[in-house]
């Protein structure tokens, strides 16, 4: 759940930054553009999604080992990001990407086994 929430939050931020033509320069950062961007619906919703992910993450850490939680969260975030990139943002992916995702999942399985 945490990994999916993180990927969704980042996707919302990507959408917001594309809509606002976000730039790391003084014209953008020190103007009304930055304030407007910071309070845009996608940025606010992405931030709330991150807060929810953090709360769930902390609850998981209270019950499970750090290495298991971290391995599952990172891998779920990567897989979710990969799926969101392909489905929502229509980004291309290759057979090598699919093999990488498969290897990641196998690695996490092996790391989290007792």
C-alpha atoms as a PDB file:
ATOM      1  CA  UNK A   1       0.000   0.000   0.000  1.00  0.00           C
ATOM      2  CA  UNK A   2       2.777   2.446   0.908  1.00  0.00           C
ATOM      3  CA  UNK A   3       4.630   1.919  -2.358  1.00  0.00           C
ATOM      4  CA  UNK A   4       1.481   2.474  -4.375  1.00  0.00           C
ATOM      5  CA  UNK A   5       0.642   5.643  -2.418  1.00  0.00           C
ATOM      6  CA  UNK A   6       4.162   6.976  -3.004  1.00  0.00           C
ATOM      7  CA  UNK A   7       3.931   6.313  -6.748  1.00  0.00           C
ATOM      8  CA  UNK A   8       0.488   7.940  -6.933  1.00  0.00           C
ATOM      9  CA  UNK A   9       1.725  11.000  -5.019  1.00  0.00           C
ATOM     10  CA  UNK A  10       4.714  11.358  -7.334  1.00  0.00           C
ATOM     11  CA  UNK A  11       2.452  10.970 -10.369  1.00  0.00           C
ATOM     12  CA  UNK A  12       0.253  13.772  -9.098  1.00  0.00           C
ATOM     13  CA  UNK A  13       3.346  15.959  -8.685  1.00  0.00           C
ATOM     14  CA  UNK A  14       4.491  15.081 -12.209  1.00  0.00           C
ATOM     15  CA  UNK A  15       1.099  16.131 -13.550  1.00  0.00           C
ATOM     16  CA  UNK A  16       1.223  19.401 -11.586  1.00  0.00           C
ATOM     17  CA  UNK A  17       4.754  20.236 -12.727  1.00  0.00           C
ATOM     18  CA  UNK A  18       3.822  19.615 -16.358  1.00  0.00           C
ATOM     19  CA  UNK A  19       0.730  21.796 -16.150  1.00  0.00           C
ATOM     20  CA  UNK A  20       2.598  24.655 -14.458  1.00  0.00           C
ATOM     21  CA  UNK A  21       5.625  24.482 -16.770  1.00  0.00           C
ATOM     22  CA  UNK A  22       7.691  24.156 -13.585  1.00  0.00           C
ATOM     23  CA  UNK A  23      11.210  25.602 -13.781  1.00  0.00           C
ATOM     24  CA  UNK A  24      14.019  25.844 -11.249  1.00  0.00           C
ATOM     25  CA  UNK A  25      14.817  29.475 -11.946  1.00  0.00           C
ATOM     26  CA  UNK A  26      14.289  32.786 -10.189  1.00  0.00           C
ATOM     27  CA  UNK A  27      11.468  33.814 -12.516  1.00  0.00           C
ATOM     28  CA  UNK A  28       9.408  30.838 -11.444  1.00  0.00           C
ATOM     29  CA  UNK A  29      10.530  30.354  -7.852  1.00  0.00           C
ATOM     30  CA  UNK A  30      10.281  33.973  -6.697  1.00  0.00           C
ATOM     31  CA  UNK A  31       6.994  34.881  -8.308  1.00  0.00           C
ATOM     32  CA  UNK A  32       3.325  34.225  -7.954  1.00  0.00           C
ATOM     33  CA  UNK A  33       3.831  31.191 -10.198  1.00  0.00           C
ATOM     34  CA  UNK A  34       5.437  29.285  -7.331  1.00  0.00           C
ATOM     35  CA  UNK A  35       2.647  30.110  -4.878  1.00  0.00           C
ATOM     36  CA  UNK A  36       0.043  29.127  -7.443  1.00  0.00           C
ATOM     37  CA  UNK A  37       1.932  25.900  -8.147  1.00  0.00           C
ATOM     38  CA  UNK A  38       2.370  25.008  -4.465  1.00  0.00           C
ATOM     39  CA  UNK A  39      -1.367  25.249  -3.836  1.00  0.00           C
ATOM     40  CA  UNK A  40      -2.537  23.633  -7.062  1.00  0.00           C
ATOM     41  CA  UNK A  41      -4.908  20.688  -6.601  1.00  0.00           C
ATOM     42  CA  UNK A  42      -2.410  18.114  -7.904  1.00  0.00           C
ATOM     43  CA  UNK A  43       0.389  19.301  -5.586  1.00  0.00           C
ATOM     44  CA  UNK A  44      -1.912  19.405  -2.560  1.00  0.00           C
ATOM     45  CA  UNK A  45      -3.403  15.981  -3.331  1.00  0.00           C
ATOM     46  CA  UNK A  46       0.077  14.539  -3.963  1.00  0.00           C
ATOM     47  CA  UNK A  47       1.266  15.899  -0.627  1.00  0.00           C
ATOM     48  CA  UNK A  48      -1.746  14.467   1.209  1.00  0.00           C
ATOM     49  CA  UNK A  49      -1.087  11.123  -0.475  1.00  0.00           C
ATOM     50  CA  UNK A  50       2.501  11.256   0.787  1.00  0.00           C
ATOM     51  CA  UNK A  51       1.301  12.016   4.316  1.00  0.00           C
ATOM     52  CA  UNK A  52      -1.019   8.998   4.174  1.00  0.00           C
ATOM     53  CA  UNK A  53       1.859   6.831   2.885  1.00  0.00           C
ATOM     54  CA  UNK A  54       4.065   8.005   5.736  1.00  0.00           C
ATOM     55  CA  UNK A  55       1.461   7.146   8.359  1.00  0.00           C
ATOM     56  CA  UNK A  56       0.956   3.650   6.933  1.00  0.00           C
ATOM     57  CA  UNK A  57       4.740   3.228   6.668  1.00  0.00           C
ATOM     58  CA  UNK A  58       5.204   4.150  10.323  1.00  0.00           C
ATOM     59  CA  UNK A  59       2.504   1.657  11.337  1.00  0.00           C
ATOM     60  CA  UNK A  60       4.280  -1.053   9.326  1.00  0.00           C
ATOM     61  CA  UNK A  61       7.624  -0.222  10.955  1.00  0.00           C
ATOM     62  CA  UNK A  62       6.035  -0.608  14.374  1.00  0.00           C
ATOM     63  CA  UNK A  63       5.061  -4.202  13.573  1.00  0.00           C
ATOM     64  CA  UNK A  64       7.677  -5.544  11.150  1.00  0.00           C
ATOM     65  CA  UNK A  65      11.435  -5.461  10.631  1.00  0.00           C
ATOM     66  CA  UNK A  66      12.885  -2.430   8.864  1.00  0.00           C
ATOM     67  CA  UNK A  67      14.600  -4.496   6.161  1.00  0.00           C
ATOM     68  CA  UNK A  68      11.397  -6.299   5.210  1.00  0.00           C
ATOM     69  CA  UNK A  69       9.268  -3.161   5.214  1.00  0.00           C
ATOM     70  CA  UNK A  70      11.811  -1.153   3.251  1.00  0.00           C
ATOM     71  CA  UNK A  71      12.307  -3.915   0.672  1.00  0.00           C
ATOM     72  CA  UNK A  72       8.584  -4.253   0.103  1.00  0.00           C
ATOM     73  CA  UNK A  73       7.925  -0.495   0.008  1.00  0.00           C
ATOM     74  CA  UNK A  74      10.720   0.279  -2.445  1.00  0.00           C
ATOM     75  CA  UNK A  75       9.838  -2.573  -4.773  1.00  0.00           C
ATOM     76  CA  UNK A  76       6.105  -1.790  -4.663  1.00  0.00           C
ATOM     77  CA  UNK A  77       6.903   1.844  -5.407  1.00  0.00           C
ATOM     78  CA  UNK A  78       9.082   0.911  -8.389  1.00  0.00           C
ATOM     79  CA  UNK A  79       6.551  -1.513  -9.834  1.00  0.00           C
ATOM     80  CA  UNK A  80       3.684   0.945  -9.279  1.00  0.00           C
ATOM     81  CA  UNK A  81       5.683   3.764 -10.884  1.00  0.00           C
ATOM     82  CA  UNK A  82       6.466   1.568 -13.850  1.00  0.00           C
ATOM     83  CA  UNK A  83       2.788   0.695 -14.326  1.00  0.00           C
ATOM     84  CA  UNK A  84       1.628   4.295 -13.893  1.00  0.00           C
ATOM     85  CA  UNK A  85       4.254   5.501 -16.369  1.00  0.00           C
ATOM     86  CA  UNK A  86       3.013   3.067 -18.993  1.00  0.00           C
ATOM     87  CA  UNK A  87      -0.729   3.303 -18.410  1.00  0.00           C
ATOM     88  CA  UNK A  88      -1.294   6.940 -17.448  1.00  0.00           C
ATOM     89  CA  UNK A  89       1.667   8.782 -18.968  1.00  0.00           C
ATOM     90  CA  UNK A  90       1.928   6.484 -21.999  1.00  0.00           C
ATOM     91  CA  UNK A  91       5.671   6.071 -21.580  1.00  0.00           C
ATOM     92  CA  UNK A  92       7.357   3.317 -23.553  1.00  0.00           C
ATOM     93  CA  UNK A  93       8.958   0.307 -21.919  1.00  0.00           C
ATOM     94  CA  UNK A  94      10.976  -2.583 -23.259  1.00  0.00           C
ATOM     95  CA  UNK A  95      11.402  -6.275 -22.657  1.00  0.00           C
ATOM     96  CA  UNK A  96      14.501  -5.380 -20.628  1.00  0.00           C
ATOM     97  CA  UNK A  97      12.299  -3.245 -18.350  1.00  0.00           C
ATOM     98  CA  UNK A  98       9.936  -6.182 -17.816  1.00  0.00           C
ATOM     99  CA  UNK A  99      12.851  -8.499 -17.078  1.00  0.00           C
ATOM    100  CA  UNK A 100      14.179  -5.929 -14.590  1.00  0.00           C
ATOM    101  CA  UNK A 101      10.823  -5.728 -12.809  1.00  0.00           C
ATOM    102  CA  UNK A 102      10.665  -9.525 -12.653  1.00  0.00           C
ATOM    103  CA  UNK A 103      14.207  -9.697 -11.234  1.00  0.00           C
ATOM    104  CA  UNK A 104      13.319  -7.021  -8.680  1.00  0.00           C
ATOM    105  CA  UNK A 105      10.312  -9.005  -7.496  1.00  0.00           C
ATOM    106  CA  UNK A 106      12.339 -12.214  -7.248  1.00  0.00           C
ATOM    107  CA  UNK A 107      15.048 -10.353  -5.314  1.00  0.00           C
ATOM    108  CA  UNK A 108      12.549  -8.911  -2.848  1.00  0.00           C
ATOM    109  CA  UNK A 109      11.015 -12.338  -2.373  1.00  0.00           C
ATOM    110  CA  UNK A 110      14.432 -13.785  -1.567  1.00  0.00           C
ATOM    111  CA  UNK A 111      15.380 -10.901   0.744  1.00  0.00           C
ATOM    112  CA  UNK A 112      12.183 -11.021   2.757  1.00  0.00           C
ATOM    113  CA  UNK A 113      12.102 -14.778   3.260  1.00  0.00           C
ATOM    114  CA  UNK A 114      12.834 -15.980   6.754  1.00  0.00           C
END
